[in-house]
Amino acid sequence: MQENGILDGILNNISPRQQRATDLTLIIAAKIADKGSALGLAKALNLSYQEALYWMAGIHDFTVSEICKIEEYIGEKLISI
């Protein structure tokens, strides 16, 4: 029960902005995973295999340039302004 209390405390302290950023990062990672493997991503975008795994884990803060590369890789727009 103690562990649940700690986790609940952490989750309750996440701001809406932080939650939205996490959600978007995970959505992008899922779209990359739907397209193929980490090895395929690494080859297509000239990344190391480890970097591709990091991107696909959903914990990377993507730059605009990286998002553009991902859009080309998956053949889909990720950002619409």
C-alpha atoms as a PDB file:
ATOM      1  CA  MET A   1       0.000   0.000   0.000  1.00  0.00           C
ATOM      2  CA  GLN A   2       2.891   2.386   0.733  1.00  0.00           C
ATOM      3  CA  GLU A   3       4.117   2.159  -2.871  1.00  0.00           C
ATOM      4  CA  ASN A   4       0.691   3.142  -4.210  1.00  0.00           C
ATOM      5  CA  GLY A   5       0.691   6.193  -1.961  1.00  0.00           C
ATOM      6  CA  ILE A   6       4.073   7.300  -3.280  1.00  0.00           C
ATOM      7  CA  LEU A   7       3.013   6.791  -6.882  1.00  0.00           C
ATOM      8  CA  ASP A   8      -0.254   8.627  -6.309  1.00  0.00           C
ATOM      9  CA  GLY A   9       1.695  11.515  -4.777  1.00  0.00           C
ATOM     10  CA  ILE A  10       3.967  11.724  -7.806  1.00  0.00           C
ATOM     11  CA  LEU A  11       1.102  11.525 -10.277  1.00  0.00           C
ATOM     12  CA  ASN A  12      -0.882  14.176  -8.407  1.00  0.00           C
ATOM     13  CA  ASN A  13       2.046  16.604  -8.698  1.00  0.00           C
ATOM     14  CA  ILE A  14       2.340  16.405 -12.493  1.00  0.00           C
ATOM     15  CA  SER A  15       1.193  19.633 -14.087  1.00  0.00           C
ATOM     16  CA  PRO A  16      -1.274  19.538 -16.993  1.00  0.00           C
ATOM     17  CA  ARG A  17       1.512  20.843 -19.272  1.00  0.00           C
ATOM     18  CA  GLN A  18       3.865  18.057 -18.192  1.00  0.00           C
ATOM     19  CA  GLN A  19       1.130  15.469 -18.702  1.00  0.00           C
ATOM     20  CA  ARG A  20       0.326  16.832 -22.176  1.00  0.00           C
ATOM     21  CA  ALA A  21       4.017  16.769 -23.149  1.00  0.00           C
ATOM     22  CA  THR A  22       4.315  13.176 -21.948  1.00  0.00           C
ATOM     23  CA  ASP A  23       1.158  12.177 -23.804  1.00  0.00           C
ATOM     24  CA  LEU A  24       2.401  13.722 -27.071  1.00  0.00           C
ATOM     25  CA  THR A  25       5.824  12.114 -26.748  1.00  0.00           C
ATOM     26  CA  LEU A  26       4.225   8.703 -26.251  1.00  0.00           C
ATOM     27  CA  ILE A  27       1.897   9.245 -29.222  1.00  0.00           C
ATOM     28  CA  ILE A  28       4.880  10.102 -31.436  1.00  0.00           C
ATOM     29  CA  ALA A  29       6.756   7.044 -30.162  1.00  0.00           C
ATOM     30  CA  ALA A  30       3.742   4.836 -30.917  1.00  0.00           C
ATOM     31  CA  LYS A  31       3.497   6.202 -34.459  1.00  0.00           C
ATOM     32  CA  ILE A  32       7.188   5.485 -35.013  1.00  0.00           C
ATOM     33  CA  ALA A  33       6.726   1.941 -33.666  1.00  0.00           C
ATOM     34  CA  ASP A  34       3.737   1.389 -35.964  1.00  0.00           C
ATOM     35  CA  LYS A  35       5.966   2.239 -38.941  1.00  0.00           C
ATOM     36  CA  GLY A  36       8.712  -0.232 -38.117  1.00  0.00           C
ATOM     37  CA  SER A  37      11.589  -1.226 -35.937  1.00  0.00           C
ATOM     38  CA  ALA A  38      14.281   0.736 -34.140  1.00  0.00           C
ATOM     39  CA  LEU A  39      16.780  -0.595 -36.639  1.00  0.00           C
ATOM     40  CA  GLY A  40      14.670   0.676 -39.535  1.00  0.00           C
ATOM     41  CA  LEU A  41      14.323   4.077 -37.881  1.00  0.00           C
ATOM     42  CA  ALA A  42      18.051   4.235 -37.209  1.00  0.00           C
ATOM     43  CA  LYS A  43      18.904   3.444 -40.818  1.00  0.00           C
ATOM     44  CA  ALA A  44      16.305   5.801 -42.298  1.00  0.00           C
ATOM     45  CA  LEU A  45      17.247   8.785 -40.132  1.00  0.00           C
ATOM     46  CA  ASN A  46      20.953   8.070 -39.741  1.00  0.00           C
ATOM     47  CA  LEU A  47      20.671   7.513 -35.982  1.00  0.00           C
ATOM     48  CA  SER A  48      22.513   5.104 -33.773  1.00  0.00           C
ATOM     49  CA  TYR A  49      20.495   2.056 -32.808  1.00  0.00           C
ATOM     50  CA  GLN A  50      20.566   3.208 -29.163  1.00  0.00           C
ATOM     51  CA  GLU A  51      19.226   6.645 -30.107  1.00  0.00           C
ATOM     52  CA  ALA A  52      16.422   5.073 -32.139  1.00  0.00           C
ATOM     53  CA  LEU A  53      15.494   2.897 -29.146  1.00  0.00           C
ATOM     54  CA  TYR A  54      15.438   6.003 -26.955  1.00  0.00           C
ATOM     55  CA  TRP A  55      13.111   7.767 -29.385  1.00  0.00           C
ATOM     56  CA  MET A  56      10.816   4.750 -29.506  1.00  0.00           C
ATOM     57  CA  ALA A  57      10.728   4.454 -25.709  1.00  0.00           C
ATOM     58  CA  GLY A  58       8.730   7.685 -25.510  1.00  0.00           C
ATOM     59  CA  ILE A  59      11.144   9.508 -23.230  1.00  0.00           C
ATOM     60  CA  HIS A  60      12.892  11.772 -25.735  1.00  0.00           C
ATOM     61  CA  ASP A  61      12.076  15.493 -25.981  1.00  0.00           C
ATOM     62  CA  PHE A  62      11.877  15.890 -29.753  1.00  0.00           C
ATOM     63  CA  THR A  63      13.142  19.004 -31.491  1.00  0.00           C
ATOM     64  CA  VAL A  64      11.200  20.534 -34.366  1.00  0.00           C
ATOM     65  CA  SER A  65      13.864  19.242 -36.756  1.00  0.00           C
ATOM     66  CA  GLU A  66      13.488  15.715 -35.367  1.00  0.00           C
ATOM     67  CA  ILE A  67       9.706  15.924 -35.680  1.00  0.00           C
ATOM     68  CA  CYS A  68      10.127  16.902 -39.350  1.00  0.00           C
ATOM     69  CA  LYS A  69      12.339  13.850 -39.897  1.00  0.00           C
ATOM     70  CA  ILE A  70       9.828  11.620 -38.132  1.00  0.00           C
ATOM     71  CA  GLU A  71       6.995  13.010 -40.278  1.00  0.00           C
ATOM     72  CA  GLU A  72       8.963  12.071 -43.403  1.00  0.00           C
ATOM     73  CA  TYR A  73       9.696   8.622 -41.987  1.00  0.00           C
ATOM     74  CA  ILE A  74       6.112   7.789 -41.048  1.00  0.00           C
ATOM     75  CA  GLY A  75       4.552   9.638 -43.999  1.00  0.00           C
ATOM     76  CA  GLU A  76       2.194  11.583 -41.772  1.00  0.00           C
ATOM     77  CA  LYS A  77       1.965  15.083 -40.328  1.00  0.00           C
ATOM     78  CA  LEU A  78       2.416  15.218 -36.558  1.00  0.00           C
ATOM     79  CA  ILE A  79       1.987  18.956 -36.087  1.00  0.00           C
ATOM     80  CA  SER A  80      -0.715  21.130 -37.541  1.00  0.00           C
ATOM     81  CA  ILE A  81      -0.695  24.809 -36.724  1.00  0.00           C
END
